[in-house]
Amino acid sequence: MNPVVIGVVIGVYGAMSVVAFLAYAVDKRAAALGNRRIPEARLHLLELCFGWPGALLARRLLRHKTLKRGYSAVFWAIGAAHLVGWGAVVWWMVRGSGAG
């Protein structure tokens, strides 16, 4: 894979992870203060749009959204989709290189 493409992918994952982490932090604070919350669908959208690693870190460090089974199921499905997607990219690259 082209090093520029790899750099862009890492940059997008990094930037969106920061956004997702901050969204979790804002939502956690709003919950503690009884203020308006960030809709769960919006948090899932951030996870889907390459923010999944930051959301995972936020769930662990902030202990936010960890007890809601329905939310967690969607969260892990999004994470699995990312992993399957990257697995497919790697498979395609290996298969396309003639090694197989």
PDB file of N, CA and C in Angstrom:
ATOM      1  N   MET A   1       0.861  -1.176   0.000  1.00  0.00           N
ATOM      2  CA  MET A   1       0.000   0.000   0.000  1.00  0.00           C
ATOM      3  C   MET A   1       0.903   1.234   0.000  1.00  0.00           C
ATOM      4  N   ASN A   2       0.478   2.218  -0.694  1.00  0.00           N
ATOM      5  CA  ASN A   2       1.201   3.482  -0.813  1.00  0.00           C
ATOM      6  C   ASN A   2       1.375   4.124   0.563  1.00  0.00           C
ATOM      7  N   PRO A   3       2.597   4.560   0.903  1.00  0.00           N
ATOM      8  CA  PRO A   3       2.830   5.179   2.219  1.00  0.00           C
ATOM      9  C   PRO A   3       1.990   6.433   2.458  1.00  0.00           C
ATOM     10  N   VAL A   4       1.688   7.165   1.405  1.00  0.00           N
ATOM     11  CA  VAL A   4       0.842   8.356   1.568  1.00  0.00           C
ATOM     12  C   VAL A   4      -0.565   7.950   1.977  1.00  0.00           C
ATOM     13  N   VAL A   5      -1.081   6.902   1.349  1.00  0.00           N
ATOM     14  CA  VAL A   5      -2.423   6.403   1.692  1.00  0.00           C
ATOM     15  C   VAL A   5      -2.441   5.917   3.141  1.00  0.00           C
ATOM     16  N   ILE A   6      -1.409   5.199   3.526  1.00  0.00           N
ATOM     17  CA  ILE A   6      -1.325   4.719   4.911  1.00  0.00           C
ATOM     18  C   ILE A   6      -1.316   5.903   5.876  1.00  0.00           C
ATOM     19  N   GLY A   7      -0.545   6.927   5.547  1.00  0.00           N
ATOM     20  CA  GLY A   7      -0.499   8.121   6.400  1.00  0.00           C
ATOM     21  C   GLY A   7      -1.843   8.814   6.502  1.00  0.00           C
ATOM     22  N   VAL A   8      -2.553   8.897   5.385  1.00  0.00           N
ATOM     23  CA  VAL A   8      -3.877   9.532   5.397  1.00  0.00           C
ATOM     24  C   VAL A   8      -4.845   8.713   6.247  1.00  0.00           C
ATOM     25  N   VAL A   9      -4.828   7.389   6.078  1.00  0.00           N
ATOM     26  CA  VAL A   9      -5.728   6.521   6.850  1.00  0.00           C
ATOM     27  C   VAL A   9      -5.443   6.664   8.343  1.00  0.00           C
ATOM     28  N   ILE A  10      -4.171   6.628   8.711  1.00  0.00           N
ATOM     29  CA  ILE A  10      -3.804   6.780  10.121  1.00  0.00           C
ATOM     30  C   ILE A  10      -4.229   8.154  10.634  1.00  0.00           C
ATOM     31  N   GLY A  11      -4.038   9.186   9.820  1.00  0.00           N
ATOM     32  CA  GLY A  11      -4.442  10.536  10.220  1.00  0.00           C
ATOM     33  C   GLY A  11      -5.943  10.666  10.424  1.00  0.00           C
ATOM     34  N   VAL A  12      -6.709  10.064   9.516  1.00  0.00           N
ATOM     35  CA  VAL A  12      -8.176  10.122   9.639  1.00  0.00           C
ATOM     36  C   VAL A  12      -8.627   9.358  10.880  1.00  0.00           C
ATOM     37  N   TYR A  13      -8.094   8.161  11.075  1.00  0.00           N
ATOM     38  CA  TYR A  13      -8.440   7.401  12.285  1.00  0.00           C
ATOM     39  C   TYR A  13      -8.061   8.190  13.539  1.00  0.00           C
ATOM     40  N   GLY A  14      -6.886   8.799  13.521  1.00  0.00           N
ATOM     41  CA  GLY A  14      -6.436   9.568  14.683  1.00  0.00           C
ATOM     42  C   GLY A  14      -7.336  10.762  14.966  1.00  0.00           C
ATOM     43  N   ALA A  15      -7.618  11.543  13.932  1.00  0.00           N
ATOM     44  CA  ALA A  15      -8.452  12.734  14.104  1.00  0.00           C
ATOM     45  C   ALA A  15      -9.867  12.367  14.550  1.00  0.00           C
ATOM     46  N   MET A  16     -10.453  11.371  13.905  1.00  0.00           N
ATOM     47  CA  MET A  16     -11.820  10.982  14.272  1.00  0.00           C
ATOM     48  C   MET A  16     -11.866  10.325  15.639  1.00  0.00           C
ATOM     49  N   SER A  17     -10.777   9.675  16.022  1.00  0.00           N
ATOM     50  CA  SER A  17     -10.723   9.087  17.368  1.00  0.00           C
ATOM     51  C   SER A  17     -10.715  10.179  18.431  1.00  0.00           C
ATOM     52  N   VAL A  18     -10.001  11.261  18.166  1.00  0.00           N
ATOM     53  CA  VAL A  18     -10.005  12.398  19.102  1.00  0.00           C
ATOM     54  C   VAL A  18     -11.414  12.980  19.193  1.00  0.00           C
ATOM     55  N   VAL A  19     -12.067  13.155  18.049  1.00  0.00           N
ATOM     56  CA  VAL A  19     -13.432  13.699  18.040  1.00  0.00           C
ATOM     57  C   VAL A  19     -14.380  12.784  18.817  1.00  0.00           C
ATOM     58  N   ALA A  20     -14.286  11.473  18.576  1.00  0.00           N
ATOM     59  CA  ALA A  20     -15.164  10.524  19.271  1.00  0.00           C
ATOM     60  C   ALA A  20     -14.889  10.529  20.772  1.00  0.00           C
ATOM     61  N   PHE A  21     -13.616  10.543  21.156  1.00  0.00           N
ATOM     62  CA  PHE A  21     -13.271  10.573  22.575  1.00  0.00           C
ATOM     63  C   PHE A  21     -13.856  11.819  23.237  1.00  0.00           C
ATOM     64  N   LEU A  22     -13.686  12.965  22.593  1.00  0.00           N
ATOM     65  CA  LEU A  22     -14.217  14.210  23.160  1.00  0.00           C
ATOM     66  C   LEU A  22     -15.740  14.188  23.240  1.00  0.00           C
ATOM     67  N   ALA A  23     -16.395  13.600  22.241  1.00  0.00           N
ATOM     68  CA  ALA A  23     -17.856  13.494  22.273  1.00  0.00           C
ATOM     69  C   ALA A  23     -18.305  12.638  23.455  1.00  0.00           C
ATOM     70  N   TYR A  24     -17.616  11.543  23.699  1.00  0.00           N
ATOM     71  CA  TYR A  24     -17.923  10.705  24.866  1.00  0.00           C
ATOM     72  C   TYR A  24     -17.729  11.500  26.154  1.00  0.00           C
ATOM     73  N   ALA A  25     -16.645  12.264  26.221  1.00  0.00           N
ATOM     74  CA  ALA A  25     -16.366  13.047  27.433  1.00  0.00           C
ATOM     75  C   ALA A  25     -17.444  14.101  27.655  1.00  0.00           C
ATOM     76  N   VAL A  26     -17.850  14.771  26.597  1.00  0.00           N
ATOM     77  CA  VAL A  26     -18.911  15.785  26.702  1.00  0.00           C
ATOM     78  C   VAL A  26     -20.214  15.128  27.132  1.00  0.00           C
ATOM     79  N   ASP A  27     -20.532  13.973  26.553  1.00  0.00           N
ATOM     80  CA  ASP A  27     -21.773  13.280  26.908  1.00  0.00           C
ATOM     81  C   ASP A  27     -21.742  12.797  28.353  1.00  0.00           C
ATOM     82  N   LYS A  28     -20.601  12.302  28.789  1.00  0.00           N
ATOM     83  CA  LYS A  28     -20.468  11.849  30.182  1.00  0.00           C
ATOM     84  C   LYS A  28     -20.692  13.024  31.144  1.00  0.00           C
ATOM     85  N   ARG A  29     -20.093  14.165  30.817  1.00  0.00           N
ATOM     86  CA  ARG A  29     -20.242  15.370  31.652  1.00  0.00           C
ATOM     87  C   ARG A  29     -21.700  15.836  31.665  1.00  0.00           C
ATOM     88  N   ALA A  30     -22.332  15.834  30.503  1.00  0.00           N
ATOM     89  CA  ALA A  30     -23.738  16.239  30.422  1.00  0.00           C
ATOM     90  C   ALA A  30     -24.615  15.311  31.253  1.00  0.00           C
ATOM     91  N   ALA A  31     -24.322  14.013  31.223  1.00  0.00           N
ATOM     92  CA  ALA A  31     -25.095  13.051  32.019  1.00  0.00           C
ATOM     93  C   ALA A  31     -24.940  13.339  33.507  1.00  0.00           C
ATOM     94  N   ALA A  32     -23.720  13.649  33.928  1.00  0.00           N
ATOM     95  CA  ALA A  32     -23.467  13.923  35.348  1.00  0.00           C
ATOM     96  C   ALA A  32     -24.172  15.188  35.812  1.00  0.00           C
ATOM     97  N   LEU A  33     -24.289  16.167  34.912  1.00  0.00           N
ATOM     98  CA  LEU A  33     -24.908  17.448  35.270  1.00  0.00           C
ATOM     99  C   LEU A  33     -26.405  17.489  34.984  1.00  0.00           C
ATOM    100  N   GLY A  34     -26.919  16.437  34.364  1.00  0.00           N
ATOM    101  CA  GLY A  34     -28.340  16.416  34.021  1.00  0.00           C
ATOM    102  C   GLY A  34     -28.674  17.303  32.830  1.00  0.00           C
ATOM    103  N   ASN A  35     -27.693  17.592  32.004  1.00  0.00           N
ATOM    104  CA  ASN A  35     -27.902  18.440  30.826  1.00  0.00           C
ATOM    105  C   ASN A  35     -28.255  17.600  29.603  1.00  0.00           C
ATOM    106  N   ARG A  36     -28.533  18.299  28.517  1.00  0.00           N
ATOM    107  CA  ARG A  36     -28.877  17.643  27.261  1.00  0.00           C
ATOM    108  C   ARG A  36     -27.705  16.768  26.800  1.00  0.00           C
ATOM    109  N   ARG A  37     -28.042  15.551  26.357  1.00  0.00           N
ATOM    110  CA  ARG A  37     -27.040  14.548  25.980  1.00  0.00           C
ATOM    111  C   ARG A  37     -26.824  14.503  24.477  1.00  0.00           C
ATOM    112  N   ILE A  38     -25.724  13.899  24.080  1.00  0.00           N
ATOM    113  CA  ILE A  38     -25.460  13.621  22.671  1.00  0.00           C
ATOM    114  C   ILE A  38     -26.239  12.354  22.316  1.00  0.00           C
ATOM    115  N   PRO A  39     -27.034  12.402  21.249  1.00  0.00           N
ATOM    116  CA  PRO A  39     -27.800  11.194  20.886  1.00  0.00           C
ATOM    117  C   PRO A  39     -26.884  10.003  20.615  1.00  0.00           C
ATOM    118  N   GLU A  40     -27.330   8.828  21.035  1.00  0.00           N
ATOM    119  CA  GLU A  40     -26.524   7.627  20.839  1.00  0.00           C
ATOM    120  C   GLU A  40     -26.236   7.386  19.369  1.00  0.00           C
ATOM    121  N   ALA A  41     -27.194   7.690  18.514  1.00  0.00           N
ATOM    122  CA  ALA A  41     -26.976   7.499  17.073  1.00  0.00           C
ATOM    123  C   ALA A  41     -25.816   8.357  16.577  1.00  0.00           C
ATOM    124  N   ARG A  42     -25.652   9.536  17.134  1.00  0.00           N
ATOM    125  CA  ARG A  42     -24.544  10.400  16.732  1.00  0.00           C
ATOM    126  C   ARG A  42     -23.210   9.836  17.208  1.00  0.00           C
ATOM    127  N   LEU A  43     -23.186   9.283  18.422  1.00  0.00           N
ATOM    128  CA  LEU A  43     -21.968   8.643  18.914  1.00  0.00           C
ATOM    129  C   LEU A  43     -21.605   7.441  18.031  1.00  0.00           C
ATOM    130  N   HIS A  44     -22.613   6.665  17.648  1.00  0.00           N
ATOM    131  CA  HIS A  44     -22.355   5.524  16.766  1.00  0.00           C
ATOM    132  C   HIS A  44     -21.858   5.993  15.395  1.00  0.00           C
ATOM    133  N   LEU A  45     -22.381   7.092  14.912  1.00  0.00           N
ATOM    134  CA  LEU A  45     -21.914   7.621  13.627  1.00  0.00           C
ATOM    135  C   LEU A  45     -20.437   8.000  13.706  1.00  0.00           C
ATOM    136  N   LEU A  46     -20.036   8.612  14.809  1.00  0.00           N
ATOM    137  CA  LEU A  46     -18.618   8.946  14.994  1.00  0.00           C
ATOM    138  C   LEU A  46     -17.756   7.685  15.029  1.00  0.00           C
ATOM    139  N   GLU A  47     -18.257   6.643  15.675  1.00  0.00           N
ATOM    140  CA  GLU A  47     -17.523   5.373  15.711  1.00  0.00           C
ATOM    141  C   GLU A  47     -17.378   4.800  14.303  1.00  0.00           C
ATOM    142  N   LEU A  48     -18.472   4.822  13.579  1.00  0.00           N
ATOM    143  CA  LEU A  48     -18.482   4.282  12.222  1.00  0.00           C
ATOM    144  C   LEU A  48     -17.551   5.060  11.298  1.00  0.00           C
ATOM    145  N   CYS A  49     -17.498   6.362  11.484  1.00  0.00           N
ATOM    146  CA  CYS A  49     -16.666   7.240  10.636  1.00  0.00           C
ATOM    147  C   CYS A  49     -15.241   7.311  11.177  1.00  0.00           C
ATOM    148  N   PHE A  50     -14.673   6.157  11.457  1.00  0.00           N
ATOM    149  CA  PHE A  50     -13.262   5.998  11.814  1.00  0.00           C
ATOM    150  C   PHE A  50     -12.898   6.460  13.216  1.00  0.00           C
ATOM    151  N   GLY A  51     -13.884   6.747  14.064  1.00  0.00           N
ATOM    152  CA  GLY A  51     -13.591   7.154  15.432  1.00  0.00           C
ATOM    153  C   GLY A  51     -13.677   6.021  16.430  1.00  0.00           C
ATOM    154  N   TRP A  52     -13.821   4.796  15.935  1.00  0.00           N
ATOM    155  CA  TRP A  52     -14.002   3.648  16.817  1.00  0.00           C
ATOM    156  C   TRP A  52     -12.869   3.479  17.825  1.00  0.00           C
ATOM    157  N   PRO A  53     -11.592   3.619  17.435  1.00  0.00           N
ATOM    158  CA  PRO A  53     -10.533   3.453  18.457  1.00  0.00           C
ATOM    159  C   PRO A  53     -10.635   4.479  19.594  1.00  0.00           C
ATOM    160  N   GLY A  54     -10.958   5.718  19.276  1.00  0.00           N
ATOM    161  CA  GLY A  54     -11.106   6.739  20.316  1.00  0.00           C
ATOM    162  C   GLY A  54     -12.296   6.467  21.205  1.00  0.00           C
ATOM    163  N   ALA A  55     -13.367   5.957  20.619  1.00  0.00           N
ATOM    164  CA  ALA A  55     -14.548   5.599  21.407  1.00  0.00           C
ATOM    165  C   ALA A  55     -14.230   4.439  22.343  1.00  0.00           C
ATOM    166  N   LEU A  56     -13.469   3.468  21.853  1.00  0.00           N
ATOM    167  CA  LEU A  56     -13.058   2.350  22.702  1.00  0.00           C
ATOM    168  C   LEU A  56     -12.239   2.850  23.887  1.00  0.00           C
ATOM    169  N   LEU A  57     -11.309   3.744  23.627  1.00  0.00           N
ATOM    170  CA  LEU A  57     -10.494   4.311  24.697  1.00  0.00           C
ATOM    171  C   LEU A  57     -11.364   5.085  25.694  1.00  0.00           C
ATOM    172  N   ALA A  58     -12.309   5.861  25.181  1.00  0.00           N
ATOM    173  CA  ALA A  58     -13.204   6.627  26.060  1.00  0.00           C
ATOM    174  C   ALA A  58     -14.051   5.705  26.924  1.00  0.00           C
ATOM    175  N   ARG A  59     -14.557   4.633  26.331  1.00  0.00           N
ATOM    176  CA  ARG A  59     -15.359   3.681  27.114  1.00  0.00           C
ATOM    177  C   ARG A  59     -14.539   3.116  28.269  1.00  0.00           C
ATOM    178  N   ARG A  60     -13.279   2.831  28.012  1.00  0.00           N
ATOM    179  CA  ARG A  60     -12.420   2.251  29.045  1.00  0.00           C
ATOM    180  C   ARG A  60     -12.016   3.283  30.096  1.00  0.00           C
ATOM    181  N   LEU A  61     -11.531   4.424  29.649  1.00  0.00           N
ATOM    182  CA  LEU A  61     -11.013   5.427  30.587  1.00  0.00           C
ATOM    183  C   LEU A  61     -12.113   6.184  31.323  1.00  0.00           C
ATOM    184  N   LEU A  62     -13.188   6.513  30.613  1.00  0.00           N
ATOM    185  CA  LEU A  62     -14.262   7.313  31.214  1.00  0.00           C
ATOM    186  C   LEU A  62     -15.371   6.446  31.813  1.00  0.00           C
ATOM    187  N   ARG A  63     -15.312   5.153  31.550  1.00  0.00           N
ATOM    188  CA  ARG A  63     -16.370   4.234  31.984  1.00  0.00           C
ATOM    189  C   ARG A  63     -17.748   4.763  31.589  1.00  0.00           C
ATOM    190  N   HIS A  64     -17.855   5.078  30.289  1.00  0.00           N
ATOM    191  CA  HIS A  64     -19.092   5.649  29.770  1.00  0.00           C
ATOM    192  C   HIS A  64     -19.680   4.716  28.719  1.00  0.00           C
ATOM    193  N   LYS A  65     -20.965   4.483  28.819  1.00  0.00           N
ATOM    194  CA  LYS A  65     -21.715   3.652  27.888  1.00  0.00           C
ATOM    195  C   LYS A  65     -21.285   2.184  27.938  1.00  0.00           C
ATOM    196  N   THR A  66     -20.808   1.744  29.073  1.00  0.00           N
ATOM    197  CA  THR A  66     -20.321   0.368  29.174  1.00  0.00           C
ATOM    198  C   THR A  66     -21.390  -0.596  29.701  1.00  0.00           C
ATOM    199  N   LEU A  67     -22.412  -0.108  30.354  1.00  0.00           N
ATOM    200  CA  LEU A  67     -23.430  -0.976  30.945  1.00  0.00           C
ATOM    201  C   LEU A  67     -24.666  -1.156  30.076  1.00  0.00           C
ATOM    202  N   LYS A  68     -24.810  -0.346  29.054  1.00  0.00           N
ATOM    203  CA  LYS A  68     -25.981  -0.438  28.174  1.00  0.00           C
ATOM    204  C   LYS A  68     -25.735  -1.515  27.125  1.00  0.00           C
ATOM    205  N   ARG A  69     -26.430  -2.637  27.281  1.00  0.00           N
ATOM    206  CA  ARG A  69     -26.188  -3.783  26.396  1.00  0.00           C
ATOM    207  C   ARG A  69     -26.500  -3.483  24.937  1.00  0.00           C
ATOM    208  N   GLY A  70     -27.607  -2.811  24.681  1.00  0.00           N
ATOM    209  CA  GLY A  70     -27.968  -2.490  23.298  1.00  0.00           C
ATOM    210  C   GLY A  70     -26.944  -1.587  22.642  1.00  0.00           C
ATOM    211  N   TYR A  71     -26.511  -0.587  23.389  1.00  0.00           N
ATOM    212  CA  TYR A  71     -25.494   0.323  22.874  1.00  0.00           C
ATOM    213  C   TYR A  71     -24.194  -0.435  22.622  1.00  0.00           C
ATOM    214  N   SER A  72     -23.805  -1.266  23.573  1.00  0.00           N
ATOM    215  CA  SER A  72     -22.564  -2.023  23.446  1.00  0.00           C
ATOM    216  C   SER A  72     -22.604  -2.972  22.256  1.00  0.00           C
ATOM    217  N   ALA A  73     -23.750  -3.575  21.998  1.00  0.00           N
ATOM    218  CA  ALA A  73     -23.866  -4.492  20.858  1.00  0.00           C
ATOM    219  C   ALA A  73     -23.589  -3.765  19.546  1.00  0.00           C
ATOM    220  N   VAL A  74     -24.162  -2.581  19.393  1.00  0.00           N
ATOM    221  CA  VAL A  74     -23.926  -1.805  18.178  1.00  0.00           C
ATOM    222  C   VAL A  74     -22.469  -1.353  18.124  1.00  0.00           C
ATOM    223  N   PHE A  75     -21.935  -0.916  19.256  1.00  0.00           N
ATOM    224  CA  PHE A  75     -20.543  -0.482  19.328  1.00  0.00           C
ATOM    225  C   PHE A  75     -19.609  -1.594  18.854  1.00  0.00           C
ATOM    226  N   TRP A  76     -19.781  -2.805  19.385  1.00  0.00           N
ATOM    227  CA  TRP A  76     -18.903  -3.913  19.012  1.00  0.00           C
ATOM    228  C   TRP A  76     -19.129  -4.358  17.580  1.00  0.00           C
ATOM    229  N   ALA A  77     -20.351  -4.230  17.079  1.00  0.00           N
ATOM    230  CA  ALA A  77     -20.611  -4.557  15.668  1.00  0.00           C
ATOM    231  C   ALA A  77     -19.859  -3.586  14.756  1.00  0.00           C
ATOM    232  N   ILE A  78     -19.827  -2.319  15.138  1.00  0.00           N
ATOM    233  CA  ILE A  78     -19.075  -1.334  14.359  1.00  0.00           C
ATOM    234  C   ILE A  78     -17.585  -1.660  14.401  1.00  0.00           C
ATOM    235  N   GLY A  79     -17.084  -1.995  15.568  1.00  0.00           N
ATOM    236  CA  GLY A  79     -15.678  -2.379  15.686  1.00  0.00           C
ATOM    237  C   GLY A  79     -15.364  -3.604  14.843  1.00  0.00           C
ATOM    238  N   ALA A  80     -16.240  -4.592  14.869  1.00  0.00           N
ATOM    239  CA  ALA A  80     -16.045  -5.802  14.065  1.00  0.00           C
ATOM    240  C   ALA A  80     -16.065  -5.464  12.576  1.00  0.00           C
ATOM    241  N   ALA A  81     -16.943  -4.554  12.183  1.00  0.00           N
ATOM    242  CA  ALA A  81     -16.999  -4.145  10.773  1.00  0.00           C
ATOM    243  C   ALA A  81     -15.684  -3.507  10.342  1.00  0.00           C
ATOM    244  N   HIS A  82     -15.102  -2.687  11.209  1.00  0.00           N
ATOM    245  CA  HIS A  82     -13.795  -2.088  10.894  1.00  0.00           C
ATOM    246  C   HIS A  82     -12.737  -3.176  10.725  1.00  0.00           C
ATOM    247  N   LEU A  83     -12.700  -4.125  11.637  1.00  0.00           N
ATOM    248  CA  LEU A  83     -11.704  -5.189  11.568  1.00  0.00           C
ATOM    249  C   LEU A  83     -11.897  -6.070  10.335  1.00  0.00           C
ATOM    250  N   VAL A  84     -13.129  -6.403  10.034  1.00  0.00           N
ATOM    251  CA  VAL A  84     -13.413  -7.205   8.842  1.00  0.00           C
ATOM    252  C   VAL A  84     -13.024  -6.423   7.587  1.00  0.00           C
ATOM    253  N   GLY A  85     -13.335  -5.143   7.577  1.00  0.00           N
ATOM    254  CA  GLY A  85     -12.968  -4.304   6.434  1.00  0.00           C
ATOM    255  C   GLY A  85     -11.472  -4.276   6.205  1.00  0.00           C
ATOM    256  N   TRP A  86     -10.705  -4.096   7.279  1.00  0.00           N
ATOM    257  CA  TRP A  86      -9.245  -4.077   7.139  1.00  0.00           C
ATOM    258  C   TRP A  86      -8.707  -5.449   6.795  1.00  0.00           C
ATOM    259  N   GLY A  87      -9.336  -6.481   7.304  1.00  0.00           N
ATOM    260  CA  GLY A  87      -8.949  -7.832   6.910  1.00  0.00           C
ATOM    261  C   GLY A  87      -9.153  -8.049   5.421  1.00  0.00           C
ATOM    262  N   ALA A  88     -10.263  -7.539   4.898  1.00  0.00           N
ATOM    263  CA  ALA A  88     -10.536  -7.651   3.463  1.00  0.00           C
ATOM    264  C   ALA A  88      -9.515  -6.866   2.640  1.00  0.00           C
ATOM    265  N   VAL A  89      -9.126  -5.691   3.122  1.00  0.00           N
ATOM    266  CA  VAL A  89      -8.111  -4.897   2.420  1.00  0.00           C
ATOM    267  C   VAL A  89      -6.789  -5.661   2.367  1.00  0.00           C
ATOM    268  N   VAL A  90      -6.385  -6.213   3.499  1.00  0.00           N
ATOM    269  CA  VAL A  90      -5.128  -6.972   3.539  1.00  0.00           C
ATOM    270  C   VAL A  90      -5.221  -8.192   2.625  1.00  0.00           C
ATOM    271  N   TRP A  91      -6.331  -8.921   2.688  1.00  0.00           N
ATOM    272  CA  TRP A  91      -6.520 -10.086   1.830  1.00  0.00           C
ATOM    273  C   TRP A  91      -6.431  -9.684   0.367  1.00  0.00           C
ATOM    274  N   TRP A  92      -7.091  -8.606  -0.007  1.00  0.00           N
ATOM    275  CA  TRP A  92      -7.088  -8.133  -1.384  1.00  0.00           C
ATOM    276  C   TRP A  92      -5.676  -7.752  -1.820  1.00  0.00           C
ATOM    277  N   MET A  93      -4.923  -7.103  -0.934  1.00  0.00           N
ATOM    278  CA  MET A  93      -3.561  -6.700  -1.276  1.00  0.00           C
ATOM    279  C   MET A  93      -2.655  -7.926  -1.461  1.00  0.00           C
ATOM    280  N   VAL A  94      -2.771  -8.908  -0.578  1.00  0.00           N
ATOM    281  CA  VAL A  94      -1.950 -10.114  -0.677  1.00  0.00           C
ATOM    282  C   VAL A  94      -2.329 -10.902  -1.925  1.00  0.00           C
ATOM    283  N   ARG A  95      -3.613 -11.059  -2.134  1.00  0.00           N
ATOM    284  CA  ARG A  95      -4.095 -11.807  -3.291  1.00  0.00           C
ATOM    285  C   ARG A  95      -3.726 -11.095  -4.584  1.00  0.00           C
ATOM    286  N   GLY A  96      -3.814  -9.792  -4.579  1.00  0.00           N
ATOM    287  CA  GLY A  96      -3.487  -9.008  -5.775  1.00  0.00           C
ATOM    288  C   GLY A  96      -2.009  -8.974  -6.098  1.00  0.00           C
ATOM    289  N   SER A  97      -1.164  -9.259  -5.126  1.00  0.00           N
ATOM    290  CA  SER A  97       0.286  -9.209  -5.362  1.00  0.00           C
ATOM    291  C   SER A  97       0.783 -10.506  -6.009  1.00  0.00           C
ATOM    292  N   GLY A  98      -0.094 -11.472  -6.169  1.00  0.00           N
ATOM    293  CA  GLY A  98       0.298 -12.721  -6.799  1.00  0.00           C
ATOM    294  C   GLY A  98       0.861 -13.744  -5.837  1.00  0.00           C
ATOM    295  N   ALA A  99       0.803 -13.472  -4.563  1.00  0.00           N
ATOM    296  CA  ALA A  99       1.320 -14.411  -3.557  1.00  0.00           C
ATOM    297  C   ALA A  99       0.215 -15.346  -3.125  1.00  0.00           C
ATOM    298  N   GLY A 100      -0.148 -16.275  -3.913  1.00  0.00           N
ATOM    299  CA  GLY A 100      -1.187 -17.182  -3.481  1.00  0.00           C
ATOM    300  C   GLY A 100      -1.718 -17.919  -4.567  1.00  0.00           C
TER     301      GLY A 100
END
